[in-house]
Amino acid sequence: MPIVNINLIAGRSQDQLKGLIEDVTSAVVKNTGAPAEHVHVILNEMQPNRYSVGGVLKSDEK
């Protein structure tokens, strides 16, 4: 049973998240041969003020 964890900054629409999950599931099925019903995708959405790159919070970027 493949388990895929995806961390991303919150702010995408429900349709975008659904498309992402569908595409990731298809890629896992294609490349592992696992049946789609066994592929688990976990989305972890972070608020921009809880994630930084190079010491700068995403919420502080211009």
N, C-alpha and C. Protein backbone atom coordinates (compact mmCIF):
# COMPACT_ATOMS: atom_id res chain seq x y z
N MET A 1 0.84 -1.17 0.00
CA MET A 1 0.00 0.00 0.00
C MET A 1 0.89 1.24 0.00
N PRO A 2 1.00 1.92 -1.14
CA PRO A 2 1.77 3.16 -1.18
C PRO A 2 1.06 4.27 -0.41
N ILE A 3 1.86 5.02 0.36
CA ILE A 3 1.36 6.19 1.07
C ILE A 3 2.19 7.39 0.63
N VAL A 4 1.53 8.41 0.13
CA VAL A 4 2.20 9.61 -0.36
C VAL A 4 1.81 10.78 0.56
N ASN A 5 2.80 11.44 1.12
CA ASN A 5 2.57 12.63 1.95
C ASN A 5 2.99 13.86 1.16
N ILE A 6 2.11 14.82 1.06
CA ILE A 6 2.41 16.07 0.36
C ILE A 6 2.19 17.22 1.32
N ASN A 7 3.22 18.03 1.51
CA ASN A 7 3.13 19.24 2.33
C ASN A 7 3.08 20.44 1.39
N LEU A 8 2.09 21.30 1.60
CA LEU A 8 1.99 22.49 0.77
C LEU A 8 1.37 23.62 1.57
N ILE A 9 1.62 24.82 1.09
CA ILE A 9 1.06 26.00 1.73
C ILE A 9 -0.41 26.11 1.36
N ALA A 10 -1.25 26.38 2.33
CA ALA A 10 -2.69 26.50 2.11
C ALA A 10 -3.00 27.61 1.13
N GLY A 11 -4.13 27.46 0.44
CA GLY A 11 -4.56 28.52 -0.45
C GLY A 11 -5.04 28.03 -1.80
N ARG A 12 -4.96 26.73 -2.04
CA ARG A 12 -5.43 26.20 -3.31
C ARG A 12 -6.90 25.84 -3.20
N SER A 13 -7.57 25.86 -4.34
CA SER A 13 -9.00 25.54 -4.36
C SER A 13 -9.21 24.04 -4.19
N GLN A 14 -10.43 23.68 -3.86
CA GLN A 14 -10.79 22.28 -3.73
C GLN A 14 -10.55 21.54 -5.05
N ASP A 15 -10.86 22.20 -6.18
CA ASP A 15 -10.64 21.58 -7.49
C ASP A 15 -9.15 21.34 -7.75
N GLN A 16 -8.30 22.27 -7.36
CA GLN A 16 -6.86 22.10 -7.53
C GLN A 16 -6.36 20.92 -6.69
N LEU A 17 -6.81 20.84 -5.46
CA LEU A 17 -6.38 19.74 -4.58
C LEU A 17 -6.87 18.40 -5.11
N LYS A 18 -8.10 18.37 -5.59
CA LYS A 18 -8.65 17.14 -6.15
C LYS A 18 -7.83 16.70 -7.37
N GLY A 19 -7.51 17.64 -8.24
CA GLY A 19 -6.69 17.33 -9.42
C GLY A 19 -5.32 16.81 -9.04
N LEU A 20 -4.71 17.42 -8.03
CA LEU A 20 -3.40 16.99 -7.56
C LEU A 20 -3.47 15.54 -7.07
N ILE A 21 -4.47 15.24 -6.26
CA ILE A 21 -4.62 13.88 -5.73
C ILE A 21 -4.83 12.88 -6.87
N GLU A 22 -5.66 13.24 -7.83
CA GLU A 22 -5.90 12.34 -8.96
C GLU A 22 -4.62 12.09 -9.75
N ASP A 23 -3.87 13.15 -10.02
CA ASP A 23 -2.63 13.02 -10.80
C ASP A 23 -1.57 12.21 -10.05
N VAL A 24 -1.44 12.46 -8.76
CA VAL A 24 -0.46 11.72 -7.96
C VAL A 24 -0.84 10.24 -7.90
N THR A 25 -2.11 9.98 -7.69
CA THR A 25 -2.57 8.59 -7.65
C THR A 25 -2.27 7.89 -8.97
N SER A 26 -2.56 8.54 -10.08
CA SER A 26 -2.29 7.96 -11.40
C SER A 26 -0.81 7.67 -11.59
N ALA A 27 0.05 8.59 -11.15
CA ALA A 27 1.50 8.39 -11.29
C ALA A 27 1.98 7.20 -10.46
N VAL A 28 1.44 7.06 -9.26
CA VAL A 28 1.84 5.94 -8.39
C VAL A 28 1.37 4.63 -9.01
N VAL A 29 0.14 4.60 -9.50
CA VAL A 29 -0.38 3.39 -10.15
C VAL A 29 0.49 3.02 -11.35
N LYS A 30 0.78 4.00 -12.18
CA LYS A 30 1.58 3.77 -13.39
C LYS A 30 2.97 3.23 -13.07
N ASN A 31 3.60 3.79 -12.06
CA ASN A 31 5.01 3.47 -11.79
C ASN A 31 5.23 2.36 -10.78
N THR A 32 4.19 1.96 -10.06
CA THR A 32 4.37 0.88 -9.09
C THR A 32 3.51 -0.34 -9.38
N GLY A 33 2.47 -0.15 -10.17
CA GLY A 33 1.55 -1.24 -10.45
C GLY A 33 0.54 -1.47 -9.33
N ALA A 34 0.57 -0.64 -8.31
CA ALA A 34 -0.39 -0.78 -7.21
C ALA A 34 -1.77 -0.38 -7.71
N PRO A 35 -2.81 -1.06 -7.26
CA PRO A 35 -4.16 -0.64 -7.63
C PRO A 35 -4.50 0.71 -7.00
N ALA A 36 -5.25 1.52 -7.73
CA ALA A 36 -5.59 2.87 -7.25
C ALA A 36 -6.25 2.84 -5.87
N GLU A 37 -7.05 1.83 -5.62
CA GLU A 37 -7.75 1.78 -4.33
C GLU A 37 -6.82 1.50 -3.16
N HIS A 38 -5.56 1.19 -3.45
CA HIS A 38 -4.58 0.97 -2.39
C HIS A 38 -3.63 2.15 -2.19
N VAL A 39 -3.78 3.17 -3.03
CA VAL A 39 -2.90 4.34 -2.96
C VAL A 39 -3.52 5.36 -2.01
N HIS A 40 -2.77 5.72 -0.98
CA HIS A 40 -3.21 6.71 0.00
C HIS A 40 -2.44 8.00 -0.23
N VAL A 41 -3.14 9.11 -0.35
CA VAL A 41 -2.50 10.42 -0.51
C VAL A 41 -2.94 11.29 0.66
N ILE A 42 -1.97 11.83 1.37
CA ILE A 42 -2.23 12.69 2.53
C ILE A 42 -1.73 14.09 2.21
N LEU A 43 -2.63 15.05 2.26
CA LEU A 43 -2.25 16.46 2.04
C LEU A 43 -2.16 17.15 3.40
N ASN A 44 -1.03 17.76 3.64
CA ASN A 44 -0.83 18.56 4.85
C ASN A 44 -0.69 20.00 4.42
N GLU A 45 -1.70 20.81 4.74
CA GLU A 45 -1.66 22.22 4.37
C GLU A 45 -1.16 23.04 5.55
N MET A 46 -0.21 23.91 5.25
CA MET A 46 0.38 24.79 6.27
C MET A 46 -0.04 26.22 5.99
N GLN A 47 -0.25 26.98 7.03
CA GLN A 47 -0.51 28.40 6.86
C GLN A 47 0.82 29.08 6.48
N PRO A 48 0.76 30.13 5.67
CA PRO A 48 1.99 30.81 5.24
C PRO A 48 2.85 31.33 6.39
N ASN A 49 2.24 31.59 7.54
CA ASN A 49 3.02 32.07 8.68
C ASN A 49 3.59 30.92 9.51
N ARG A 50 3.52 29.71 8.99
CA ARG A 50 4.08 28.54 9.65
C ARG A 50 5.11 27.83 8.80
N TYR A 51 5.59 28.52 7.74
CA TYR A 51 6.55 27.93 6.83
C TYR A 51 7.51 29.02 6.36
N SER A 52 8.79 28.69 6.34
CA SER A 52 9.77 29.68 5.89
C SER A 52 10.80 29.05 4.97
N VAL A 53 11.41 29.89 4.16
CA VAL A 53 12.53 29.52 3.31
C VAL A 53 13.61 30.55 3.54
N GLY A 54 14.80 30.12 3.87
CA GLY A 54 15.90 31.04 4.10
C GLY A 54 15.65 31.99 5.26
N GLY A 55 14.86 31.55 6.23
CA GLY A 55 14.60 32.37 7.40
C GLY A 55 13.51 33.41 7.22
N VAL A 56 12.83 33.39 6.06
CA VAL A 56 11.76 34.35 5.79
C VAL A 56 10.44 33.59 5.71
N LEU A 57 9.49 33.98 6.55
CA LEU A 57 8.17 33.37 6.49
C LEU A 57 7.52 33.64 5.14
N LYS A 58 6.82 32.66 4.64
CA LYS A 58 6.11 32.85 3.37
C LYS A 58 5.11 34.00 3.47
N SER A 59 4.52 34.18 4.65
CA SER A 59 3.56 35.26 4.83
C SER A 59 4.22 36.64 4.76
N ASP A 60 5.53 36.71 4.93
CA ASP A 60 6.24 37.99 4.88
C ASP A 60 6.81 38.30 3.49
N GLU A 61 6.71 37.37 2.58
CA GLU A 61 7.22 37.62 1.22
C GLU A 61 6.35 38.64 0.51
N LYS A 62 6.98 39.42 -0.31
CA LYS A 62 6.26 40.44 -1.08
C LYS A 62 5.72 39.87 -2.36
